[in-house]
Amino acid sequence: MMIRRTIFAIGIVVGFGNNAFAQSSDLGSWNIANIRYHFDDKWSLFGEAQVRSLEFYNYFYYYEYKGGATYKIDKNTAVSLAAGSYQTYQDGGNFVLPKRNDEFRIWPS
């Protein structure tokens, strides 16, 4: 009985194995740049930008940029307020319209 189950499991894996790969083998890219500037011991500003592609620096479909300020209340406590824009486009080219998603977010932390 155990041998039949093993053979059946191997048959399933071999038979459907090539359909099990959900992603293409192309390399994509995910680039992030961020910056932080400290005014003094209490205040700082930060910013970040990202761009993503489905192939190696081709077929760009997503970008975002965000920034904010942080205030350090004491040694162990800080508060931040930030905002950002997040844009997702259709697959198949570089920022192909129409957009899939167009967001603006504000967040405190």
N, C-alpha and C. Protein backbone atom coordinates (compact mmCIF):
# COMPACT_ATOMS: atom_id res chain seq x y z
N MET A 1 0.82 -1.20 0.00
CA MET A 1 0.00 0.00 0.00
C MET A 1 0.86 1.26 0.00
N MET A 2 1.95 1.24 0.79
CA MET A 2 2.83 2.40 0.89
C MET A 2 3.52 2.67 -0.44
N ILE A 3 3.88 1.60 -1.16
CA ILE A 3 4.56 1.76 -2.45
C ILE A 3 3.63 2.42 -3.46
N ARG A 4 2.36 2.03 -3.46
CA ARG A 4 1.39 2.63 -4.38
C ARG A 4 1.23 4.13 -4.11
N ARG A 5 1.15 4.51 -2.85
CA ARG A 5 1.03 5.93 -2.50
C ARG A 5 2.26 6.71 -2.96
N THR A 6 3.43 6.12 -2.75
CA THR A 6 4.67 6.78 -3.16
C THR A 6 4.71 6.94 -4.67
N ILE A 7 4.38 5.91 -5.40
CA ILE A 7 4.36 5.99 -6.87
C ILE A 7 3.33 7.00 -7.33
N PHE A 8 2.14 7.00 -6.71
CA PHE A 8 1.11 7.96 -7.06
C PHE A 8 1.60 9.40 -6.80
N ALA A 9 2.24 9.65 -5.66
CA ALA A 9 2.74 10.98 -5.33
C ALA A 9 3.81 11.43 -6.32
N ILE A 10 4.70 10.51 -6.68
CA ILE A 10 5.74 10.84 -7.66
C ILE A 10 5.10 11.15 -9.02
N GLY A 11 4.10 10.38 -9.40
CA GLY A 11 3.39 10.62 -10.66
C GLY A 11 2.73 12.00 -10.69
N ILE A 12 2.13 12.40 -9.59
CA ILE A 12 1.50 13.72 -9.50
C ILE A 12 2.55 14.82 -9.65
N VAL A 13 3.65 14.68 -8.94
CA VAL A 13 4.71 15.70 -8.99
C VAL A 13 5.29 15.80 -10.40
N VAL A 14 5.58 14.67 -11.01
CA VAL A 14 6.15 14.67 -12.37
C VAL A 14 5.13 15.18 -13.37
N GLY A 15 3.91 14.74 -13.26
CA GLY A 15 2.87 15.12 -14.22
C GLY A 15 2.50 16.59 -14.19
N PHE A 16 2.47 17.16 -13.01
CA PHE A 16 2.06 18.55 -12.87
C PHE A 16 3.20 19.48 -12.47
N GLY A 17 4.40 18.95 -12.44
CA GLY A 17 5.55 19.72 -11.98
C GLY A 17 5.82 20.99 -12.76
N ASN A 18 5.69 20.92 -14.09
CA ASN A 18 5.97 22.12 -14.87
C ASN A 18 4.89 23.19 -14.70
N ASN A 19 3.72 22.84 -14.22
CA ASN A 19 2.67 23.82 -13.96
C ASN A 19 2.78 24.43 -12.57
N ALA A 20 3.67 23.92 -11.76
CA ALA A 20 3.78 24.39 -10.38
C ALA A 20 4.56 25.68 -10.26
N PHE A 21 5.27 26.08 -11.31
CA PHE A 21 6.05 27.32 -11.26
C PHE A 21 5.14 28.50 -11.59
N ALA A 22 4.87 29.34 -10.58
CA ALA A 22 3.91 30.42 -10.74
C ALA A 22 4.54 31.69 -11.31
N GLN A 23 5.85 31.82 -11.23
CA GLN A 23 6.51 33.03 -11.70
C GLN A 23 7.42 32.70 -12.86
N SER A 24 7.68 33.74 -13.66
CA SER A 24 8.60 33.54 -14.77
C SER A 24 10.03 33.51 -14.25
N SER A 25 10.94 33.08 -15.08
CA SER A 25 12.34 32.99 -14.67
C SER A 25 13.10 34.29 -14.91
N ASP A 26 12.44 35.31 -15.45
CA ASP A 26 13.10 36.59 -15.68
C ASP A 26 13.42 37.28 -14.36
N LEU A 27 14.56 37.94 -14.33
CA LEU A 27 14.93 38.73 -13.16
C LEU A 27 14.22 40.08 -13.21
N GLY A 28 13.71 40.51 -12.10
CA GLY A 28 13.14 41.85 -12.00
C GLY A 28 14.07 42.73 -11.20
N SER A 29 13.63 43.93 -10.92
CA SER A 29 14.43 44.82 -10.08
C SER A 29 13.52 45.54 -9.09
N TRP A 30 14.07 45.83 -7.95
CA TRP A 30 13.37 46.54 -6.89
C TRP A 30 14.39 47.48 -6.29
N ASN A 31 14.29 48.76 -6.63
CA ASN A 31 15.28 49.75 -6.24
C ASN A 31 14.72 50.68 -5.19
N ILE A 32 15.51 50.92 -4.16
CA ILE A 32 15.09 51.78 -3.05
C ILE A 32 16.21 52.77 -2.76
N ALA A 33 15.83 54.02 -2.61
CA ALA A 33 16.78 55.06 -2.17
C ALA A 33 16.14 55.78 -1.00
N ASN A 34 16.89 55.93 0.08
CA ASN A 34 16.34 56.67 1.21
C ASN A 34 17.38 57.61 1.78
N ILE A 35 16.88 58.62 2.48
CA ILE A 35 17.74 59.64 3.06
C ILE A 35 17.16 60.07 4.40
N ARG A 36 18.04 60.41 5.32
CA ARG A 36 17.61 60.92 6.63
C ARG A 36 18.55 62.07 6.98
N TYR A 37 17.96 63.15 7.45
CA TYR A 37 18.74 64.32 7.87
C TYR A 37 18.38 64.65 9.31
N HIS A 38 19.37 64.70 10.19
CA HIS A 38 19.16 65.04 11.60
C HIS A 38 19.49 66.52 11.79
N PHE A 39 18.49 67.29 12.19
CA PHE A 39 18.72 68.70 12.49
C PHE A 39 19.47 68.87 13.81
N ASP A 40 19.04 68.10 14.80
CA ASP A 40 19.66 68.12 16.13
C ASP A 40 19.33 66.80 16.81
N ASP A 41 19.45 66.73 18.12
CA ASP A 41 19.17 65.48 18.85
C ASP A 41 17.69 65.11 18.86
N LYS A 42 16.81 66.05 18.58
CA LYS A 42 15.36 65.81 18.67
C LYS A 42 14.68 65.66 17.31
N TRP A 43 15.04 66.46 16.32
CA TRP A 43 14.32 66.52 15.05
C TRP A 43 15.10 65.89 13.90
N SER A 44 14.38 65.16 13.04
CA SER A 44 14.98 64.63 11.81
C SER A 44 13.91 64.56 10.71
N LEU A 45 14.37 64.60 9.48
CA LEU A 45 13.52 64.41 8.30
C LEU A 45 13.98 63.16 7.57
N PHE A 46 13.04 62.50 6.90
CA PHE A 46 13.40 61.32 6.12
C PHE A 46 12.61 61.30 4.83
N GLY A 47 13.14 60.62 3.83
CA GLY A 47 12.47 60.44 2.56
C GLY A 47 12.90 59.13 1.93
N GLU A 48 12.03 58.59 1.09
CA GLU A 48 12.33 57.33 0.41
C GLU A 48 11.63 57.30 -0.93
N ALA A 49 12.28 56.70 -1.92
CA ALA A 49 11.70 56.48 -3.24
C ALA A 49 11.97 55.04 -3.65
N GLN A 50 11.01 54.44 -4.35
CA GLN A 50 11.15 53.06 -4.84
C GLN A 50 10.66 53.00 -6.27
N VAL A 51 11.25 52.12 -7.05
CA VAL A 51 10.77 51.79 -8.39
C VAL A 51 10.98 50.29 -8.57
N ARG A 52 10.00 49.63 -9.21
CA ARG A 52 10.05 48.17 -9.39
C ARG A 52 9.78 47.83 -10.85
N SER A 53 10.45 46.77 -11.33
CA SER A 53 10.24 46.32 -12.70
C SER A 53 10.08 44.80 -12.74
N LEU A 54 9.39 44.33 -13.78
CA LEU A 54 9.16 42.90 -13.94
C LEU A 54 10.32 42.19 -14.63
N GLU A 55 11.11 42.91 -15.41
CA GLU A 55 12.33 42.38 -15.99
C GLU A 55 13.48 43.24 -15.50
N PHE A 56 14.69 42.82 -15.74
CA PHE A 56 15.86 43.52 -15.23
C PHE A 56 15.94 44.91 -15.85
N TYR A 57 15.48 45.90 -15.12
CA TYR A 57 15.43 47.30 -15.53
C TYR A 57 14.63 47.51 -16.81
N ASN A 58 13.53 46.79 -16.92
CA ASN A 58 12.59 46.97 -18.02
C ASN A 58 11.21 46.55 -17.52
N TYR A 59 10.18 47.04 -18.14
CA TYR A 59 8.81 46.81 -17.74
C TYR A 59 8.54 47.31 -16.32
N PHE A 60 8.81 48.59 -16.12
CA PHE A 60 8.54 49.22 -14.83
C PHE A 60 7.04 49.33 -14.62
N TYR A 61 6.58 48.93 -13.44
CA TYR A 61 5.15 48.90 -13.17
C TYR A 61 4.76 49.58 -11.85
N TYR A 62 5.73 50.00 -11.04
CA TYR A 62 5.40 50.52 -9.72
C TYR A 62 6.43 51.56 -9.30
N TYR A 63 5.94 52.64 -8.69
CA TYR A 63 6.85 53.56 -8.01
C TYR A 63 6.15 54.16 -6.81
N GLU A 64 6.94 54.60 -5.87
CA GLU A 64 6.42 55.28 -4.69
C GLU A 64 7.45 56.28 -4.20
N TYR A 65 6.95 57.30 -3.55
CA TYR A 65 7.82 58.23 -2.85
C TYR A 65 7.10 58.67 -1.59
N LYS A 66 7.87 58.88 -0.53
CA LYS A 66 7.28 59.24 0.75
C LYS A 66 8.31 60.01 1.56
N GLY A 67 7.81 60.75 2.51
CA GLY A 67 8.69 61.51 3.38
C GLY A 67 7.97 61.94 4.64
N GLY A 68 8.76 62.33 5.63
CA GLY A 68 8.15 62.73 6.89
C GLY A 68 9.16 63.31 7.85
N ALA A 69 8.68 63.60 9.05
CA ALA A 69 9.49 64.18 10.11
C ALA A 69 9.34 63.34 11.37
N THR A 70 10.42 63.28 12.15
CA THR A 70 10.42 62.55 13.41
C THR A 70 10.89 63.47 14.52
N TYR A 71 10.20 63.38 15.66
CA TYR A 71 10.58 64.12 16.86
C TYR A 71 10.87 63.12 17.97
N LYS A 72 12.06 63.19 18.54
CA LYS A 72 12.46 62.27 19.60
C LYS A 72 12.11 62.92 20.94
N ILE A 73 11.11 62.34 21.63
CA ILE A 73 10.62 62.89 22.89
C ILE A 73 11.63 62.65 24.00
N ASP A 74 12.12 61.42 24.10
CA ASP A 74 13.17 61.10 25.06
C ASP A 74 14.00 59.95 24.48
N LYS A 75 14.85 59.36 25.28
CA LYS A 75 15.77 58.33 24.80
C LYS A 75 15.07 57.15 24.13
N ASN A 76 13.89 56.77 24.63
CA ASN A 76 13.19 55.58 24.16
C ASN A 76 11.90 55.85 23.40
N THR A 77 11.56 57.13 23.15
CA THR A 77 10.28 57.44 22.54
C THR A 77 10.45 58.49 21.43
N ALA A 78 9.85 58.19 20.29
CA ALA A 78 9.85 59.13 19.17
C ALA A 78 8.49 59.07 18.49
N VAL A 79 8.08 60.18 17.88
CA VAL A 79 6.84 60.24 17.10
C VAL A 79 7.19 60.73 15.70
N SER A 80 6.44 60.23 14.72
CA SER A 80 6.67 60.61 13.32
C SER A 80 5.36 60.92 12.65
N LEU A 81 5.42 61.77 11.65
CA LEU A 81 4.30 62.05 10.76
C LEU A 81 4.85 62.02 9.35
N ALA A 82 4.22 61.23 8.48
CA ALA A 82 4.73 61.05 7.13
C ALA A 82 3.58 60.95 6.13
N ALA A 83 3.92 61.11 4.85
CA ALA A 83 2.95 60.99 3.76
C ALA A 83 3.67 60.43 2.55
N GLY A 84 2.91 59.78 1.66
CA GLY A 84 3.53 59.23 0.47
C GLY A 84 2.54 58.96 -0.65
N SER A 85 3.07 58.80 -1.84
CA SER A 85 2.30 58.49 -3.03
C SER A 85 2.75 57.12 -3.54
N TYR A 86 1.79 56.25 -3.89
CA TYR A 86 2.06 54.88 -4.31
C TYR A 86 1.29 54.62 -5.61
N GLN A 87 2.01 54.31 -6.68
CA GLN A 87 1.41 54.17 -8.00
C GLN A 87 1.73 52.80 -8.59
N THR A 88 0.70 52.06 -9.01
CA THR A 88 0.88 50.75 -9.65
C THR A 88 0.23 50.80 -11.02
N TYR A 89 0.97 50.35 -12.04
CA TYR A 89 0.51 50.37 -13.43
C TYR A 89 0.27 48.96 -13.94
N GLN A 90 -0.29 48.86 -15.15
CA GLN A 90 -0.56 47.58 -15.80
C GLN A 90 0.75 46.90 -16.19
N ASP A 91 0.74 45.56 -16.30
CA ASP A 91 1.89 44.81 -16.79
C ASP A 91 2.05 45.01 -18.29
N GLY A 92 3.24 44.74 -18.80
CA GLY A 92 3.43 44.71 -20.24
C GLY A 92 4.21 45.86 -20.83
N GLY A 93 4.71 46.76 -20.03
CA GLY A 93 5.49 47.87 -20.56
C GLY A 93 6.01 48.72 -19.42
N ASN A 94 6.46 49.89 -19.75
CA ASN A 94 6.97 50.81 -18.75
C ASN A 94 5.87 51.82 -18.39
N PHE A 95 5.30 51.62 -17.21
CA PHE A 95 4.23 52.49 -16.68
C PHE A 95 3.06 52.61 -17.66
N VAL A 96 2.52 51.44 -18.03
CA VAL A 96 1.41 51.35 -18.98
C VAL A 96 0.11 51.78 -18.30
N LEU A 97 -0.61 52.70 -18.93
CA LEU A 97 -1.91 53.14 -18.44
C LEU A 97 -2.97 52.15 -18.88
N PRO A 98 -4.07 52.01 -18.21
CA PRO A 98 -4.47 52.75 -17.01
C PRO A 98 -3.77 52.19 -15.77
N LYS A 99 -3.78 53.00 -14.73
CA LYS A 99 -3.18 52.60 -13.47
C LYS A 99 -4.04 51.54 -12.80
N ARG A 100 -3.40 50.61 -12.12
CA ARG A 100 -4.12 49.64 -11.28
C ARG A 100 -4.45 50.24 -9.93
N ASN A 101 -3.55 51.10 -9.45
CA ASN A 101 -3.73 51.66 -8.11
C ASN A 101 -3.07 53.03 -8.05
N ASP A 102 -3.74 53.97 -7.43
CA ASP A 102 -3.25 55.33 -7.26
C ASP A 102 -3.58 55.74 -5.83
N GLU A 103 -2.59 55.71 -4.95
CA GLU A 103 -2.84 55.95 -3.53
C GLU A 103 -2.01 57.12 -3.01
N PHE A 104 -2.59 57.80 -2.05
CA PHE A 104 -1.88 58.80 -1.24
C PHE A 104 -2.16 58.44 0.20
N ARG A 105 -1.11 58.24 0.98
CA ARG A 105 -1.28 57.82 2.37
C ARG A 105 -0.63 58.83 3.31
N ILE A 106 -1.27 59.02 4.46
CA ILE A 106 -0.71 59.80 5.55
C ILE A 106 -0.71 58.89 6.77
N TRP A 107 0.39 58.88 7.50
CA TRP A 107 0.42 58.02 8.68
C TRP A 107 1.22 58.66 9.82
N PRO A 108 0.67 58.57 11.01
CA PRO A 108 1.42 58.94 12.21
C PRO A 108 2.00 57.67 12.84
N SER A 109 3.09 57.81 13.52
CA SER A 109 3.62 56.64 14.24
C SER A 109 4.35 57.10 15.50
